Amino acid sequence: MLKKIKQSVLQQNIILLFLALILFFGITKGSLFLNALNIHNVTRQISFDIPLGLALTTVLIVGGIDLSIGSVLSMAAALTIGLQPHGTYLAVCVALVFGILIGLTNGLLITKGKVVPFITTLGTIILVKGLMLTYTGQQSFAGKDDAFTFWGDGSILGFIPTPIVVVLFFALILHMTLKYTKLGRNMYAIGGNAEAAYITGINVERNKIFAFMISGFLAALSGVLLASRLNSSTTQLGLDSNNWAIAAAIMGGASMSGGRGNVFGTLLGVASLGILNNGMNL
C-alpha cells in the first residue's frame, strides 16, 4: 500500500512539473513557444527519446540498469543506413535484431555470469562502440532510400509527426505488457524483492533477460527512427542518451532500487525534459 501511495505521489509530481513547464514557457515566450510549428518540432524531437526512456524504465523495474542504449542506438542507425543497398526493411530488421541480441547478451552476463548490471552494460558500451567503429570505418553513412525518411521526418494528416505515432504504438504495447501480463507482474515482483519472487516460483533469470532484450530492442528502434530522420548515420549519435534516458525514467517514477516505474510516467518525463530543452533554447 505504501509503495502504491508513493508511486501515486511521484506520478502527480511529474504531471505538475509537465504543466508548470508549459505554463512558464507559455507565459515567458508566448507565441514563440505555443505556436503549432514549435509544438510539432518538440513532439518530433521527443519521439526519438521516448524509446530510450522506456528502455531504462523496463530494466529499472527489475532492479537493473542499461548503460549500453546509446551505443546500441548508434550501431542500429549505422546498420539501418549501411545495409540499405540490400533492402531498406531488411536493414531495419537487422538493426532491431542486433538490439535484441545485445540485450540478450547483457541479460545472460548478468544472470548466468553474475556480473552486476552496471559493469556488464559498461563493458557492452565498449564492445558495441568497437563494432560500430569497425563496421563504419569511422565514417558517416548517407542514406540511399529517400522514401525511408517518412518514418522519421514525415507527417500523418499533415501535422502529426510519424515517429511519435510509431513510438506511442510500442509504448502502448509495453504498457499492456507491464500492467496486464504475467511477464509484467513478474518484473515488478523481481524488482521489489528478487529473493521473494524466486521463492514464489518466478523464474528470476529468465524475466531479467526478457527485460534487457526489451531494452535493446527499444534502443535499436530509436536508432532506426533517428537514421530515418537524418537519412544518415554518424559515429556521434547517442553520446548523451544514457543520462537523458535515466533522468526521464526517474522523473517518471522509476526507482534505481527496482520495483517501480510505468510507461505513462516516463512519457511525461521525456516530454518535460523536451519542453525544458526547447524552452531554454527559445
Protein backbone atom coordinates (compact mmCIF):
# COMPACT_ATOMS: atom_id res chain seq x y z
CA MET A 1 0.00 0.00 0.00
CA LEU A 2 2.79 2.42 0.93
CA LYS A 3 4.55 1.72 -2.35
CA LYS A 4 1.36 2.46 -4.32
CA ILE A 5 0.86 5.74 -2.44
CA LYS A 6 4.47 6.75 -3.15
CA GLN A 7 4.06 5.86 -6.82
CA SER A 8 0.88 7.96 -6.99
CA VAL A 9 2.64 10.96 -5.44
CA LEU A 10 5.53 10.67 -7.91
CA GLN A 11 3.03 10.45 -10.76
CA GLN A 12 1.28 13.59 -9.60
CA ASN A 13 4.61 15.40 -9.27
CA ILE A 14 5.62 14.73 -12.87
CA ILE A 15 2.20 15.82 -14.09
CA LEU A 16 2.52 19.07 -12.14
CA LEU A 17 6.04 19.61 -13.47
CA PHE A 18 4.88 19.00 -17.03
CA LEU A 19 2.04 21.50 -16.69
CA ALA A 20 4.23 24.03 -14.86
CA LEU A 21 6.81 23.99 -17.66
CA ILE A 22 4.13 24.55 -20.29
CA LEU A 23 2.66 27.41 -18.25
CA PHE A 24 6.05 29.02 -17.56
CA PHE A 25 7.31 28.98 -21.13
CA GLY A 26 3.84 29.80 -22.45
CA ILE A 27 3.86 32.99 -20.37
CA THR A 28 7.51 33.97 -20.86
CA LYS A 29 7.85 33.14 -24.58
CA GLY A 30 4.20 33.36 -25.65
CA SER A 31 3.58 32.57 -29.30
CA LEU A 32 7.18 31.51 -29.87
CA PHE A 33 6.60 28.51 -27.62
CA LEU A 34 2.92 27.83 -28.18
CA ASN A 35 2.77 28.12 -31.97
CA ALA A 36 1.90 24.99 -33.94
CA LEU A 37 5.29 24.71 -35.65
CA ASN A 38 7.20 24.70 -32.35
CA ILE A 39 4.83 22.15 -30.79
CA HIS A 40 5.25 19.99 -33.88
CA ASN A 41 9.04 20.21 -33.61
CA VAL A 42 9.07 19.37 -29.87
CA THR A 43 6.80 16.38 -30.47
CA ARG A 44 9.04 15.09 -33.24
CA GLN A 45 12.18 15.59 -31.17
CA ILE A 46 10.95 13.74 -28.08
CA SER A 47 9.78 10.83 -30.22
CA PHE A 48 13.43 9.76 -30.62
CA ASP A 49 14.00 9.94 -26.86
CA ILE A 50 10.86 8.10 -25.74
CA PRO A 51 12.11 4.58 -26.65
CA LEU A 52 15.30 5.21 -24.66
CA GLY A 53 13.34 6.34 -21.61
CA LEU A 54 11.13 3.27 -21.87
CA ALA A 55 14.19 1.03 -22.26
CA LEU A 56 15.65 2.34 -19.00
CA THR A 57 12.27 2.10 -17.27
CA THR A 58 12.00 -1.58 -18.20
CA VAL A 59 15.38 -2.56 -16.75
CA LEU A 60 14.99 -0.31 -13.72
CA ILE A 61 11.76 -2.12 -12.85
CA VAL A 62 13.69 -5.40 -12.46
CA GLY A 63 16.40 -3.68 -10.43
CA GLY A 64 18.94 -3.34 -13.25
CA ILE A 65 20.38 -0.58 -15.39
CA ASP A 66 21.40 -0.46 -19.04
CA LEU A 67 24.19 1.96 -19.95
CA SER A 68 24.58 0.48 -23.43
CA ILE A 69 21.47 2.03 -25.00
CA GLY A 70 23.40 4.93 -26.56
CA SER A 71 25.90 2.67 -28.30
CA VAL A 72 23.10 0.33 -29.43
CA LEU A 73 21.27 3.35 -30.89
CA SER A 74 24.40 4.37 -32.80
CA MET A 75 25.07 0.88 -34.16
CA ALA A 76 21.42 0.37 -35.12
CA ALA A 77 21.47 3.63 -37.08
CA ALA A 78 24.69 2.58 -38.84
CA LEU A 79 23.22 -0.81 -39.78
CA THR A 80 19.98 0.77 -40.98
CA ILE A 81 21.78 3.12 -43.36
CA GLY A 82 24.74 0.89 -44.23
CA LEU A 83 22.61 -2.08 -45.26
CA GLN A 84 20.10 -0.11 -47.32
CA PRO A 85 21.58 -1.29 -50.64
CA HIS A 86 20.46 -4.80 -49.65
CA GLY A 87 16.92 -3.64 -48.91
CA THR A 88 15.68 -0.98 -46.53
CA TYR A 89 13.35 -3.14 -44.49
CA LEU A 90 15.92 -5.94 -44.28
CA ALA A 91 18.30 -3.32 -42.88
CA VAL A 92 15.70 -2.24 -40.31
CA CYS A 93 15.10 -5.85 -39.24
CA VAL A 94 18.83 -6.48 -38.86
CA ALA A 95 19.19 -3.33 -36.74
CA LEU A 96 16.32 -4.32 -34.45
CA VAL A 97 17.56 -7.91 -34.12
CA PHE A 98 21.00 -6.55 -33.27
CA GLY A 99 19.47 -4.57 -30.40
CA ILE A 100 17.65 -7.66 -29.12
CA LEU A 101 20.86 -9.72 -29.27
CA ILE A 102 22.80 -7.11 -27.30
CA GLY A 103 20.01 -7.13 -24.73
CA LEU A 104 20.19 -10.93 -24.63
CA THR A 105 23.96 -10.75 -24.14
CA ASN A 106 23.55 -8.28 -21.29
CA GLY A 107 20.88 -10.43 -19.69
CA LEU A 108 22.92 -13.61 -19.88
CA LEU A 109 26.05 -11.98 -18.45
CA ILE A 110 24.03 -10.52 -15.58
CA THR A 111 22.02 -13.64 -14.74
CA LYS A 112 24.31 -16.51 -15.71
CA GLY A 113 27.64 -14.75 -15.33
CA LYS A 114 26.60 -13.00 -12.11
CA VAL A 115 28.13 -9.71 -13.28
CA VAL A 116 26.43 -6.61 -11.90
CA PRO A 117 24.37 -4.69 -14.49
CA PHE A 118 26.46 -1.52 -14.23
CA ILE A 119 29.70 -3.32 -15.09
CA THR A 120 28.07 -5.54 -17.71
CA THR A 121 26.47 -2.73 -19.68
CA LEU A 122 29.55 -0.53 -19.27
CA GLY A 123 31.51 -3.28 -20.97
CA THR A 124 28.84 -3.60 -23.65
CA ILE A 125 29.30 0.08 -24.49
CA ILE A 126 32.93 -0.63 -25.37
CA LEU A 127 32.03 -3.79 -27.30
CA VAL A 128 29.28 -2.19 -29.38
CA LYS A 129 31.23 1.00 -29.97
CA GLY A 130 34.16 -1.07 -31.23
CA LEU A 131 31.84 -2.99 -33.57
CA MET A 132 30.32 0.26 -34.81
CA LEU A 133 33.68 1.93 -35.49
CA THR A 134 34.90 -1.20 -37.28
CA TYR A 135 31.73 -1.51 -39.36
CA THR A 136 31.65 2.16 -40.36
CA GLY A 137 35.39 2.63 -40.70
CA GLN A 138 34.82 5.72 -38.52
CA GLN A 139 32.96 7.30 -41.42
CA SER A 140 29.43 8.67 -41.74
CA PHE A 141 26.91 6.86 -43.94
CA ALA A 142 24.44 8.61 -46.23
CA GLY A 143 21.04 7.09 -46.93
CA LYS A 144 20.14 5.79 -50.39
CA ASP A 145 16.38 5.41 -49.92
CA ASP A 146 14.67 8.81 -49.71
CA ALA A 147 11.27 7.19 -49.11
CA PHE A 148 12.57 5.77 -45.82
CA THR A 149 12.76 9.28 -44.37
CA PHE A 150 8.96 9.23 -43.98
CA TRP A 151 9.26 7.22 -40.76
CA GLY A 152 11.48 9.78 -39.07
CA ASP A 153 10.80 13.01 -40.92
CA GLY A 154 7.31 12.57 -42.32
CA SER A 155 3.89 13.55 -41.01
CA ILE A 156 0.47 11.93 -40.89
CA LEU A 157 -2.52 14.10 -41.85
CA GLY A 158 -0.06 16.90 -42.41
CA PHE A 159 0.61 17.73 -38.76
CA ILE A 160 1.20 14.54 -36.71
CA PRO A 161 4.90 13.53 -36.80
CA THR A 162 5.19 9.94 -38.00
CA PRO A 163 7.80 8.88 -35.42
CA ILE A 164 5.57 9.85 -32.48
CA VAL A 165 2.87 7.53 -33.83
CA VAL A 166 5.40 4.69 -34.12
CA VAL A 167 6.82 5.10 -30.61
CA LEU A 168 3.41 5.53 -28.99
CA PHE A 169 2.33 2.28 -30.61
CA PHE A 170 5.24 0.44 -28.99
CA ALA A 171 4.70 2.37 -25.74
CA LEU A 172 1.13 1.07 -25.66
CA ILE A 173 2.35 -2.50 -26.19
CA LEU A 174 4.85 -2.10 -23.35
CA HIS A 175 2.20 -0.59 -21.09
CA MET A 176 -0.15 -3.52 -21.74
CA THR A 177 2.73 -5.95 -21.14
CA LEU A 178 3.76 -4.42 -17.82
CA LYS A 179 0.24 -3.95 -16.48
CA TYR A 180 -1.75 -6.90 -17.74
CA THR A 181 0.60 -9.82 -18.40
CA LYS A 182 2.36 -12.36 -16.23
CA LEU A 183 5.71 -11.12 -17.53
CA GLY A 184 4.94 -7.60 -16.35
CA ARG A 185 3.80 -8.71 -12.90
CA ASN A 186 6.87 -10.89 -12.54
CA MET A 187 9.16 -8.00 -13.46
CA TYR A 188 7.70 -5.77 -10.74
CA ALA A 189 7.93 -8.60 -8.23
CA ILE A 190 11.59 -9.22 -9.09
CA GLY A 191 12.43 -5.54 -8.74
CA GLY A 192 10.63 -5.34 -5.42
CA ASN A 193 12.30 -8.40 -3.91
CA ALA A 194 14.13 -10.84 -6.17
CA GLU A 195 14.61 -13.44 -3.44
CA ALA A 196 10.95 -13.46 -2.50
CA ALA A 197 10.00 -13.66 -6.18
CA TYR A 198 12.26 -16.70 -6.61
CA ILE A 199 10.71 -18.42 -3.57
CA THR A 200 7.22 -17.94 -5.02
CA GLY A 201 8.28 -19.78 -8.18
CA ILE A 202 9.10 -16.90 -10.53
CA ASN A 203 11.95 -17.58 -12.94
CA VAL A 204 14.01 -14.52 -11.99
CA GLU A 205 16.80 -15.05 -14.51
CA ARG A 206 14.51 -15.54 -17.50
CA ASN A 207 12.42 -12.47 -16.71
CA LYS A 208 15.51 -10.30 -16.24
CA ILE A 209 16.82 -11.48 -19.61
CA PHE A 210 13.49 -10.52 -21.22
CA ALA A 211 13.74 -7.05 -19.64
CA PHE A 212 17.18 -6.44 -21.15
CA MET A 213 16.05 -7.77 -24.53
CA ILE A 214 13.17 -5.28 -24.49
CA SER A 215 15.65 -2.53 -23.61
CA GLY A 216 17.92 -3.49 -26.50
CA PHE A 217 15.00 -3.55 -28.93
CA LEU A 218 13.77 -0.11 -27.87
CA ALA A 219 17.27 1.40 -28.10
CA ALA A 220 17.63 -0.01 -31.61
CA LEU A 221 14.18 1.34 -32.53
CA SER A 222 15.34 4.83 -31.54
CA GLY A 223 18.41 4.39 -33.74
CA VAL A 224 16.30 3.29 -36.71
CA LEU A 225 13.97 6.29 -36.37
CA LEU A 226 16.87 8.70 -35.93
CA ALA A 227 18.56 7.29 -39.03
CA SER A 228 15.32 7.83 -40.90
CA ARG A 229 15.08 11.40 -39.61
CA LEU A 230 18.65 12.28 -40.66
CA ASN A 231 18.80 9.93 -43.66
CA SER A 232 22.33 9.24 -42.46
CA SER A 233 24.30 7.89 -39.53
CA THR A 234 27.37 9.19 -37.72
CA THR A 235 29.62 7.81 -35.02
CA GLN A 236 28.49 10.62 -32.70
CA LEU A 237 24.86 9.51 -32.38
CA GLY A 238 23.70 8.51 -28.91
CA LEU A 239 26.55 10.10 -26.95
CA ASP A 240 24.31 11.75 -24.32
CA SER A 241 21.45 9.27 -24.49
CA ASN A 242 22.14 7.44 -21.21
CA ASN A 243 21.89 10.44 -18.90
CA TRP A 244 18.80 11.76 -20.66
CA ALA A 245 17.01 8.42 -20.53
CA ILE A 246 17.86 7.75 -16.88
CA ALA A 247 16.65 11.22 -15.90
CA ALA A 248 13.37 10.76 -17.77
CA ALA A 249 12.72 7.34 -16.23
CA ILE A 250 13.47 8.52 -12.68
CA MET A 251 11.39 11.67 -13.14
CA GLY A 252 8.56 9.44 -14.35
CA GLY A 253 8.53 7.39 -11.16
CA ALA A 254 11.07 4.62 -11.75
CA SER A 255 13.47 3.73 -8.95
CA MET A 256 17.15 2.77 -9.04
CA SER A 257 16.36 0.13 -6.43
CA GLY A 258 13.76 -1.55 -8.67
CA GLY A 259 10.09 -2.44 -8.44
CA ARG A 260 8.73 0.90 -9.65
CA GLY A 261 8.14 2.62 -12.96
CA ASN A 262 5.48 2.92 -15.63
CA VAL A 263 5.10 3.93 -19.25
CA PHE A 264 2.87 6.97 -18.67
CA GLY A 265 5.25 8.48 -16.14
CA THR A 266 8.23 8.00 -18.44
CA LEU A 267 6.36 9.62 -21.34
CA LEU A 268 5.74 12.65 -19.15
CA GLY A 269 9.38 12.62 -18.01
CA VAL A 270 10.65 12.66 -21.59
CA ALA A 271 8.11 15.32 -22.57
CA SER A 272 9.09 17.51 -19.61
CA LEU A 273 12.77 17.33 -20.49
CA GLY A 274 11.97 18.04 -24.14
CA ILE A 275 9.89 21.09 -23.21
CA LEU A 276 12.60 22.34 -20.85
CA ASN A 277 15.26 21.97 -23.52
CA ASN A 278 13.12 23.68 -26.15
CA GLY A 279 12.01 26.46 -23.82
CA MET A 280 15.56 27.25 -22.73
CA ASN A 281 16.68 27.33 -26.35
CA LEU A 282 13.95 29.86 -27.09
